Amino acid sequence: ANLYRMYEYNHFYNDIIENKAKGTGVCLYVHDSFNATINSKISLTTNDIESLFLTVSKGNSKANVGVIYRSPNSDSKQFFKELGEIFTQLPKKETNIVLGDFNFDLLKRGNPLTNKFEDTILSSGLFPLISIPTHSKSNEQSSCIDNILTDNIESVLTSGVIEDLNSHHKPIIAMFKLGIEKTTDTSHKELQFYNFSKANTDSMMTDLESKIDALAGGNTPNLDQFFNIFSPYSALIPLL
């Protein structure tokens, strides 16, 4: 998968499942004024759930932020099992925020899977912040399948859905007052993450084969030529 970069944000990606139907891959972006570390114990990539969790901190203040994706084709029973295991490992004395495309419609009152999903999150001390449609198609009924969950409802300043962006999935937003101060130190070193996925390396090799004449010339390429050839692959390999 391609890497989508945002200025002044560090990006974190989990593994993907090749040839998986209905989407794969989760990521989180954290402003580079915060410290962030991956919680690998609850960052999973399976056929039934994909998750990525970070501990975001500044000084002694911290919050745990995660993203979860459930494919509509997943095994619901196995998803609930793995989701429950994730929730039991969330820190109890820190704020937890979980973003997700769960593909359970909270607008379907009385639906057994919806009820099971609600029971799972509420029994874990988490509360959904979105209760209006987040997904719609012109020929289908609107649904609320994307959400933001938190166990610190008092810290929520606002939450909602962004309308009129010409997309089936509407962006969901929430603002929190967590007391984590942003640093004003601009001398930090920017972190670089490299994505060595099979799709990326295969794409690089195919592209390099098309430049074989420049690479196999009789003269050693100069530095400018080297960077012109290899700079498109900076997401895969360090150039310096």
C-alpha atoms as a PDB file:
ATOM      1  CA  ALA A   1       0.000   0.000   0.000  1.00  0.00           C
ATOM      2  CA  ASN A   2       1.124   3.540  -0.614  1.00  0.00           C
ATOM      3  CA  LEU A   3       2.178   5.678   2.319  1.00  0.00           C
ATOM      4  CA  TYR A   4       0.173   8.845   2.874  1.00  0.00           C
ATOM      5  CA  ARG A   5       2.256  11.452   4.630  1.00  0.00           C
ATOM      6  CA  MET A   6       1.063  14.511   6.532  1.00  0.00           C
ATOM      7  CA  TYR A   7       3.304  17.447   7.296  1.00  0.00           C
ATOM      8  CA  GLU A   8       4.398  17.563  10.968  1.00  0.00           C
ATOM      9  CA  TYR A   9       2.739  14.212  11.709  1.00  0.00           C
ATOM     10  CA  ASN A  10       4.371  10.865  12.415  1.00  0.00           C
ATOM     11  CA  HIS A  11       2.567   7.949  10.815  1.00  0.00           C
ATOM     12  CA  PHE A  12       2.133   4.433  12.192  1.00  0.00           C
ATOM     13  CA  TYR A  13       0.962   1.474  10.106  1.00  0.00           C
ATOM     14  CA  ASN A  14       0.089  -2.107  10.929  1.00  0.00           C
ATOM     15  CA  ASP A  15       0.526  -5.080   8.615  1.00  0.00           C
ATOM     16  CA  ILE A  16      -1.965  -5.824   5.877  1.00  0.00           C
ATOM     17  CA  ILE A  17      -3.406  -9.107   4.622  1.00  0.00           C
ATOM     18  CA  GLU A  18      -2.687  -9.605   0.927  1.00  0.00           C
ATOM     19  CA  ASN A  19      -5.726 -10.253  -1.297  1.00  0.00           C
ATOM     20  CA  LYS A  20      -8.158  -9.729   1.575  1.00  0.00           C
ATOM     21  CA  ALA A  21     -11.647  -8.812   0.395  1.00  0.00           C
ATOM     22  CA  LYS A  22     -13.402  -5.692   1.668  1.00  0.00           C
ATOM     23  CA  GLY A  23     -10.296  -3.759   2.684  1.00  0.00           C
ATOM     24  CA  THR A  24      -7.232  -4.183   4.846  1.00  0.00           C
ATOM     25  CA  GLY A  25      -4.750  -1.921   6.635  1.00  0.00           C
ATOM     26  CA  VAL A  26      -5.067   0.497   9.556  1.00  0.00           C
ATOM     27  CA  CYS A  27      -2.951   3.516  10.446  1.00  0.00           C
ATOM     28  CA  LEU A  28      -2.730   6.377  12.915  1.00  0.00           C
ATOM     29  CA  TYR A  29      -1.178   9.844  12.577  1.00  0.00           C
ATOM     30  CA  VAL A  30       0.195  11.661  15.635  1.00  0.00           C
ATOM     31  CA  HIS A  31       1.399  15.257  15.643  1.00  0.00           C
ATOM     32  CA  ASP A  32       5.163  15.324  16.088  1.00  0.00           C
ATOM     33  CA  SER A  33       4.870  17.505  19.193  1.00  0.00           C
ATOM     34  CA  PHE A  34       3.719  14.390  21.081  1.00  0.00           C
ATOM     35  CA  ASN A  35       5.546  11.204  21.975  1.00  0.00           C
ATOM     36  CA  ALA A  36       3.941   8.012  20.673  1.00  0.00           C
ATOM     37  CA  THR A  37       4.803   4.334  21.062  1.00  0.00           C
ATOM     38  CA  ILE A  38       3.067   1.268  19.645  1.00  0.00           C
ATOM     39  CA  ASN A  39       1.342  -1.125  22.044  1.00  0.00           C
ATOM     40  CA  SER A  40       2.182  -4.321  20.176  1.00  0.00           C
ATOM     41  CA  LYS A  41       0.218  -6.582  22.546  1.00  0.00           C
ATOM     42  CA  ILE A  42      -3.100  -5.273  21.240  1.00  0.00           C
ATOM     43  CA  SER A  43      -2.050  -4.316  17.712  1.00  0.00           C
ATOM     44  CA  LEU A  44      -3.334  -7.232  15.652  1.00  0.00           C
ATOM     45  CA  THR A  45      -3.771  -8.260  12.040  1.00  0.00           C
ATOM     46  CA  THR A  46      -6.023 -11.288  11.615  1.00  0.00           C
ATOM     47  CA  ASN A  47      -8.751 -12.306   9.180  1.00  0.00           C
ATOM     48  CA  ASP A  48     -11.384 -11.091  11.639  1.00  0.00           C
ATOM     49  CA  ILE A  49      -9.925  -7.944  13.202  1.00  0.00           C
ATOM     50  CA  GLU A  50      -7.229  -5.387  12.440  1.00  0.00           C
ATOM     51  CA  SER A  51      -6.070  -3.031  15.172  1.00  0.00           C
ATOM     52  CA  LEU A  52      -3.320  -0.565  15.976  1.00  0.00           C
ATOM     53  CA  PHE A  53      -2.857   1.005  19.411  1.00  0.00           C
ATOM     54  CA  LEU A  54      -0.508   3.793  20.507  1.00  0.00           C
ATOM     55  CA  THR A  55       0.342   5.339  23.849  1.00  0.00           C
ATOM     56  CA  VAL A  56       0.466   9.101  23.267  1.00  0.00           C
ATOM     57  CA  SER A  57       2.244  11.050  25.990  1.00  0.00           C
ATOM     58  CA  LYS A  58       3.862  14.283  27.100  1.00  0.00           C
ATOM     59  CA  GLY A  59       5.601  14.326  30.447  1.00  0.00           C
ATOM     60  CA  ASN A  60       3.524  12.399  32.973  1.00  0.00           C
ATOM     61  CA  SER A  61       0.291  12.747  30.977  1.00  0.00           C
ATOM     62  CA  LYS A  62      -0.737  10.066  28.534  1.00  0.00           C
ATOM     63  CA  ALA A  63      -3.660   8.590  26.625  1.00  0.00           C
ATOM     64  CA  ASN A  64      -4.105   5.346  24.724  1.00  0.00           C
ATOM     65  CA  VAL A  65      -5.428   5.752  21.204  1.00  0.00           C
ATOM     66  CA  GLY A  66      -6.371   2.875  18.943  1.00  0.00           C
ATOM     67  CA  VAL A  67      -8.023   2.155  15.617  1.00  0.00           C
ATOM     68  CA  ILE A  68      -9.952  -1.014  14.770  1.00  0.00           C
ATOM     69  CA  TYR A  69     -11.305  -2.333  11.487  1.00  0.00           C
ATOM     70  CA  ARG A  70     -13.713  -5.236  11.041  1.00  0.00           C
ATOM     71  CA  SER A  71     -14.396  -6.459   7.541  1.00  0.00           C
ATOM     72  CA  PRO A  72     -18.085  -7.159   6.793  1.00  0.00           C
ATOM     73  CA  ASN A  73     -16.953 -10.643   5.743  1.00  0.00           C
ATOM     74  CA  SER A  74     -15.296 -11.491   9.054  1.00  0.00           C
ATOM     75  CA  ASP A  75     -16.437 -14.138  11.509  1.00  0.00           C
ATOM     76  CA  SER A  76     -18.453 -12.151  14.057  1.00  0.00           C
ATOM     77  CA  LYS A  77     -17.952 -14.690  16.844  1.00  0.00           C
ATOM     78  CA  GLN A  78     -14.180 -14.627  16.427  1.00  0.00           C
ATOM     79  CA  PHE A  79     -14.198 -10.829  16.137  1.00  0.00           C
ATOM     80  CA  PHE A  80     -15.981 -10.446  19.471  1.00  0.00           C
ATOM     81  CA  LYS A  81     -13.532 -12.853  21.090  1.00  0.00           C
ATOM     82  CA  GLU A  82     -10.502 -10.910  19.839  1.00  0.00           C
ATOM     83  CA  LEU A  83     -12.140  -7.537  20.565  1.00  0.00           C
ATOM     84  CA  GLY A  84     -12.846  -8.599  24.133  1.00  0.00           C
ATOM     85  CA  GLU A  85      -9.224  -9.658  24.595  1.00  0.00           C
ATOM     86  CA  ILE A  86      -8.079  -6.226  23.378  1.00  0.00           C
ATOM     87  CA  PHE A  87     -10.444  -4.371  25.695  1.00  0.00           C
ATOM     88  CA  THR A  88      -9.357  -6.366  28.750  1.00  0.00           C
ATOM     89  CA  GLN A  89      -5.763  -5.228  28.142  1.00  0.00           C
ATOM     90  CA  LEU A  90      -6.539  -1.510  27.940  1.00  0.00           C
ATOM     91  CA  PRO A  91      -4.964   0.410  30.857  1.00  0.00           C
ATOM     92  CA  LYS A  92      -7.586   1.018  33.530  1.00  0.00           C
ATOM     93  CA  LYS A  93      -6.204   4.255  34.996  1.00  0.00           C
ATOM     94  CA  GLU A  94      -5.589   6.083  31.730  1.00  0.00           C
ATOM     95  CA  THR A  95      -7.844   7.587  29.079  1.00  0.00           C
ATOM     96  CA  ASN A  96      -8.623   5.202  26.231  1.00  0.00           C
ATOM     97  CA  ILE A  97      -9.902   6.335  22.838  1.00  0.00           C
ATOM     98  CA  VAL A  98     -10.793   3.776  20.172  1.00  0.00           C
ATOM     99  CA  LEU A  99     -11.635   4.796  16.609  1.00  0.00           C
ATOM    100  CA  GLY A 100     -13.116   2.276  14.272  1.00  0.00           C
ATOM    101  CA  ASP A 101     -15.038   1.041  11.280  1.00  0.00           C
ATOM    102  CA  PHE A 102     -16.799  -1.799  13.087  1.00  0.00           C
ATOM    103  CA  ASN A 103     -19.473  -2.630  10.497  1.00  0.00           C
ATOM    104  CA  PHE A 104     -22.156  -3.110  13.143  1.00  0.00           C
ATOM    105  CA  ASP A 105     -25.034  -0.703  12.605  1.00  0.00           C
ATOM    106  CA  LEU A 106     -25.993   1.007  15.867  1.00  0.00           C
ATOM    107  CA  LEU A 107     -29.171   2.271  14.186  1.00  0.00           C
ATOM    108  CA  LYS A 108     -30.490  -1.299  13.890  1.00  0.00           C
ATOM    109  CA  ARG A 109     -32.212  -1.516  17.228  1.00  0.00           C
ATOM    110  CA  GLY A 110     -32.924  -5.089  18.289  1.00  0.00           C
ATOM    111  CA  ASN A 111     -30.402  -6.628  15.878  1.00  0.00           C
ATOM    112  CA  PRO A 112     -28.569  -9.448  17.732  1.00  0.00           C
ATOM    113  CA  LEU A 113     -25.100  -8.480  16.430  1.00  0.00           C
ATOM    114  CA  THR A 114     -25.696  -4.805  17.204  1.00  0.00           C
ATOM    115  CA  ASN A 115     -26.803  -5.725  20.715  1.00  0.00           C
ATOM    116  CA  LYS A 116     -23.736  -7.927  21.179  1.00  0.00           C
ATOM    117  CA  PHE A 117     -21.452  -5.103  20.021  1.00  0.00           C
ATOM    118  CA  GLU A 118     -23.091  -2.600  22.376  1.00  0.00           C
ATOM    119  CA  ASP A 119     -22.874  -5.038  25.297  1.00  0.00           C
ATOM    120  CA  THR A 120     -19.183  -5.664  24.554  1.00  0.00           C
ATOM    121  CA  ILE A 121     -18.156  -2.007  24.520  1.00  0.00           C
ATOM    122  CA  LEU A 122     -20.363  -0.905  27.427  1.00  0.00           C
ATOM    123  CA  SER A 123     -19.272  -3.796  29.654  1.00  0.00           C
ATOM    124  CA  SER A 124     -15.673  -2.722  28.966  1.00  0.00           C
ATOM    125  CA  GLY A 125     -16.404   0.780  30.277  1.00  0.00           C
ATOM    126  CA  LEU A 126     -16.377   2.381  26.824  1.00  0.00           C
ATOM    127  CA  PHE A 127     -19.057   4.653  25.428  1.00  0.00           C
ATOM    128  CA  PRO A 128     -19.816   5.439  21.743  1.00  0.00           C
ATOM    129  CA  LEU A 129     -19.689   9.126  20.792  1.00  0.00           C
ATOM    130  CA  ILE A 130     -21.446   8.794  17.418  1.00  0.00           C
ATOM    131  CA  SER A 131     -25.161   7.996  17.160  1.00  0.00           C
ATOM    132  CA  ILE A 132     -26.093   9.364  13.718  1.00  0.00           C
ATOM    133  CA  PRO A 133     -25.495   7.885  10.227  1.00  0.00           C
ATOM    134  CA  THR A 134     -21.849   7.578   9.174  1.00  0.00           C
ATOM    135  CA  HIS A 135     -22.349   5.577   5.970  1.00  0.00           C
ATOM    136  CA  SER A 136     -24.881   5.848   3.187  1.00  0.00           C
ATOM    137  CA  LYS A 137     -25.453   4.983  -0.459  1.00  0.00           C
ATOM    138  CA  SER A 138     -28.148   6.404  -2.677  1.00  0.00           C
ATOM    139  CA  ASN A 139     -29.930   3.057  -2.980  1.00  0.00           C
ATOM    140  CA  GLU A 140     -29.382   1.846   0.589  1.00  0.00           C
ATOM    141  CA  GLN A 141     -30.493   2.798   4.061  1.00  0.00           C
ATOM    142  CA  SER A 142     -28.080   4.948   6.067  1.00  0.00           C
ATOM    143  CA  SER A 143     -26.153   3.233   8.841  1.00  0.00           C
ATOM    144  CA  CYS A 144     -23.970   4.056  11.833  1.00  0.00           C
ATOM    145  CA  ILE A 145     -21.060   1.634  11.441  1.00  0.00           C
ATOM    146  CA  ASP A 146     -18.141   3.955  12.287  1.00  0.00           C
ATOM    147  CA  ASN A 147     -17.579   5.220  15.801  1.00  0.00           C
ATOM    148  CA  ILE A 148     -15.289   6.715  18.420  1.00  0.00           C
ATOM    149  CA  LEU A 149     -15.295   5.008  21.820  1.00  0.00           C
ATOM    150  CA  THR A 150     -13.898   6.352  25.076  1.00  0.00           C
ATOM    151  CA  ASP A 151     -13.905   5.617  28.783  1.00  0.00           C
ATOM    152  CA  ASN A 152     -13.403   9.303  29.660  1.00  0.00           C
ATOM    153  CA  ILE A 153     -16.662  10.889  28.603  1.00  0.00           C
ATOM    154  CA  GLU A 154     -16.023  13.964  30.771  1.00  0.00           C
ATOM    155  CA  SER A 155     -13.062  14.944  28.587  1.00  0.00           C
ATOM    156  CA  VAL A 156     -15.094  15.109  25.364  1.00  0.00           C
ATOM    157  CA  LEU A 157     -15.530  18.652  24.051  1.00  0.00           C
ATOM    158  CA  THR A 158     -17.445  17.768  20.893  1.00  0.00           C
ATOM    159  CA  SER A 159     -18.065  14.893  18.501  1.00  0.00           C
ATOM    160  CA  GLY A 160     -19.901  14.442  15.254  1.00  0.00           C
ATOM    161  CA  VAL A 161     -19.913  13.634  11.552  1.00  0.00           C
ATOM    162  CA  ILE A 162     -18.682  15.738   8.623  1.00  0.00           C
ATOM    163  CA  GLU A 163     -21.333  15.897   5.903  1.00  0.00           C
ATOM    164  CA  ASP A 164     -21.316  16.600   2.151  1.00  0.00           C
ATOM    165  CA  LEU A 165     -17.906  15.217   1.206  1.00  0.00           C
ATOM    166  CA  ASN A 166     -19.258  13.001  -1.597  1.00  0.00           C
ATOM    167  CA  SER A 167     -18.171   9.758   0.055  1.00  0.00           C
ATOM    168  CA  HIS A 168     -20.050   6.677   1.257  1.00  0.00           C
ATOM    169  CA  HIS A 169     -18.162   6.851   4.553  1.00  0.00           C
ATOM    170  CA  LYS A 170     -18.527  10.184   6.334  1.00  0.00           C
ATOM    171  CA  PRO A 171     -15.541  11.332   8.419  1.00  0.00           C
ATOM    172  CA  ILE A 172     -16.194  11.170  12.154  1.00  0.00           C
ATOM    173  CA  ILE A 173     -14.540  13.583  14.568  1.00  0.00           C
ATOM    174  CA  ALA A 174     -14.105  14.153  18.289  1.00  0.00           C
ATOM    175  CA  MET A 175     -12.229  16.707  20.350  1.00  0.00           C
ATOM    176  CA  PHE A 176     -10.933  15.937  23.831  1.00  0.00           C
ATOM    177  CA  LYS A 177      -9.438  17.974  26.646  1.00  0.00           C
ATOM    178  CA  LEU A 178      -6.892  15.548  28.055  1.00  0.00           C
ATOM    179  CA  GLY A 179      -4.328  17.840  29.681  1.00  0.00           C
ATOM    180  CA  ILE A 180      -1.493  16.599  27.465  1.00  0.00           C
ATOM    181  CA  GLU A 181       0.538  19.686  26.664  1.00  0.00           C
ATOM    182  CA  LYS A 182       2.146  19.986  23.244  1.00  0.00           C
ATOM    183  CA  THR A 183       5.866  20.636  23.385  1.00  0.00           C
ATOM    184  CA  THR A 184       7.229  23.849  21.909  1.00  0.00           C
ATOM    185  CA  ASP A 185      10.635  22.295  21.298  1.00  0.00           C
ATOM    186  CA  THR A 186      11.217  22.242  17.546  1.00  0.00           C
ATOM    187  CA  SER A 187      14.692  20.747  17.752  1.00  0.00           C
ATOM    188  CA  HIS A 188      13.441  17.154  17.878  1.00  0.00           C
ATOM    189  CA  LYS A 189      14.412  14.731  15.171  1.00  0.00           C
ATOM    190  CA  GLU A 190      11.646  13.656  12.837  1.00  0.00           C
ATOM    191  CA  LEU A 191      10.963   9.911  12.936  1.00  0.00           C
ATOM    192  CA  GLN A 192      10.974   7.985   9.669  1.00  0.00           C
ATOM    193  CA  PHE A 193       9.089   4.750   9.160  1.00  0.00           C
ATOM    194  CA  TYR A 194       9.713   2.387   6.247  1.00  0.00           C
ATOM    195  CA  ASN A 195       7.087   0.132   4.725  1.00  0.00           C
ATOM    196  CA  PHE A 196       8.638  -3.123   3.473  1.00  0.00           C
ATOM    197  CA  SER A 197       5.343  -4.686   2.385  1.00  0.00           C
ATOM    198  CA  LYS A 198       5.398  -7.139  -0.520  1.00  0.00           C
ATOM    199  CA  ALA A 199       3.239  -4.817  -2.623  1.00  0.00           C
ATOM    200  CA  ASN A 200       5.697  -1.944  -2.169  1.00  0.00           C
ATOM    201  CA  THR A 201       8.825  -3.988  -2.874  1.00  0.00           C
ATOM    202  CA  ASP A 202       7.242  -5.621  -5.950  1.00  0.00           C
ATOM    203  CA  SER A 203       6.277  -2.178  -7.244  1.00  0.00           C
ATOM    204  CA  MET A 204       9.812  -0.892  -6.691  1.00  0.00           C
ATOM    205  CA  MET A 205      11.382  -3.837  -8.540  1.00  0.00           C
ATOM    206  CA  THR A 206       9.024  -3.441 -11.496  1.00  0.00           C
ATOM    207  CA  ASP A 207       9.828   0.256 -11.729  1.00  0.00           C
ATOM    208  CA  LEU A 208      13.587  -0.322 -11.443  1.00  0.00           C
ATOM    209  CA  GLU A 209      13.437  -2.876 -14.266  1.00  0.00           C
ATOM    210  CA  SER A 210      12.046  -0.150 -16.508  1.00  0.00           C
ATOM    211  CA  LYS A 211      15.148   1.945 -15.694  1.00  0.00           C
ATOM    212  CA  ILE A 212      17.634  -0.861 -16.328  1.00  0.00           C
ATOM    213  CA  ASP A 213      19.514   1.079 -19.002  1.00  0.00           C
ATOM    214  CA  ALA A 214      20.345   3.900 -16.590  1.00  0.00           C
ATOM    215  CA  LEU A 215      21.299   1.436 -13.869  1.00  0.00           C
ATOM    216  CA  ALA A 216      23.447  -0.818 -16.053  1.00  0.00           C
ATOM    217  CA  GLY A 217      25.387   1.847 -17.924  1.00  0.00           C
ATOM    218  CA  GLY A 218      29.132   1.565 -18.337  1.00  0.00           C
ATOM    219  CA  ASN A 219      29.826   4.572 -16.126  1.00  0.00           C
ATOM    220  CA  THR A 220      29.132   4.731 -12.432  1.00  0.00           C
ATOM    221  CA  PRO A 221      26.071   7.007 -11.906  1.00  0.00           C
ATOM    222  CA  ASN A 222      26.812  10.321 -10.287  1.00  0.00           C
ATOM    223  CA  LEU A 223      25.121  11.362  -7.032  1.00  0.00           C
ATOM    224  CA  ASP A 224      22.428  13.441  -8.739  1.00  0.00           C
ATOM    225  CA  GLN A 225      21.553  10.536 -11.009  1.00  0.00           C
ATOM    226  CA  PHE A 226      21.441   8.167  -8.032  1.00  0.00           C
ATOM    227  CA  PHE A 227      18.939  10.357  -6.161  1.00  0.00           C
ATOM    228  CA  ASN A 228      16.817  10.888  -9.269  1.00  0.00           C
ATOM    229  CA  ILE A 229      16.489   7.130  -9.659  1.00  0.00           C
ATOM    230  CA  PHE A 230      16.004   6.105  -6.030  1.00  0.00           C
ATOM    231  CA  SER A 231      14.279   9.072  -4.344  1.00  0.00           C
ATOM    232  CA  PRO A 232      10.762   7.812  -5.286  1.00  0.00           C
ATOM    233  CA  TYR A 233      11.431   4.836  -3.002  1.00  0.00           C
ATOM    234  CA  SER A 234      12.263   6.821   0.128  1.00  0.00           C
ATOM    235  CA  ALA A 235       9.278   5.210   1.879  1.00  0.00           C
ATOM    236  CA  LEU A 236      11.036   1.861   1.475  1.00  0.00           C
ATOM    237  CA  ILE A 237      14.768   2.501   1.800  1.00  0.00           C
ATOM    238  CA  PRO A 238      16.852   5.143   3.575  1.00  0.00           C
ATOM    239  CA  LEU A 239      18.911   7.185   1.131  1.00  0.00           C
ATOM    240  CA  LEU A 240      21.264   8.699   3.726  1.00  0.00           C
END
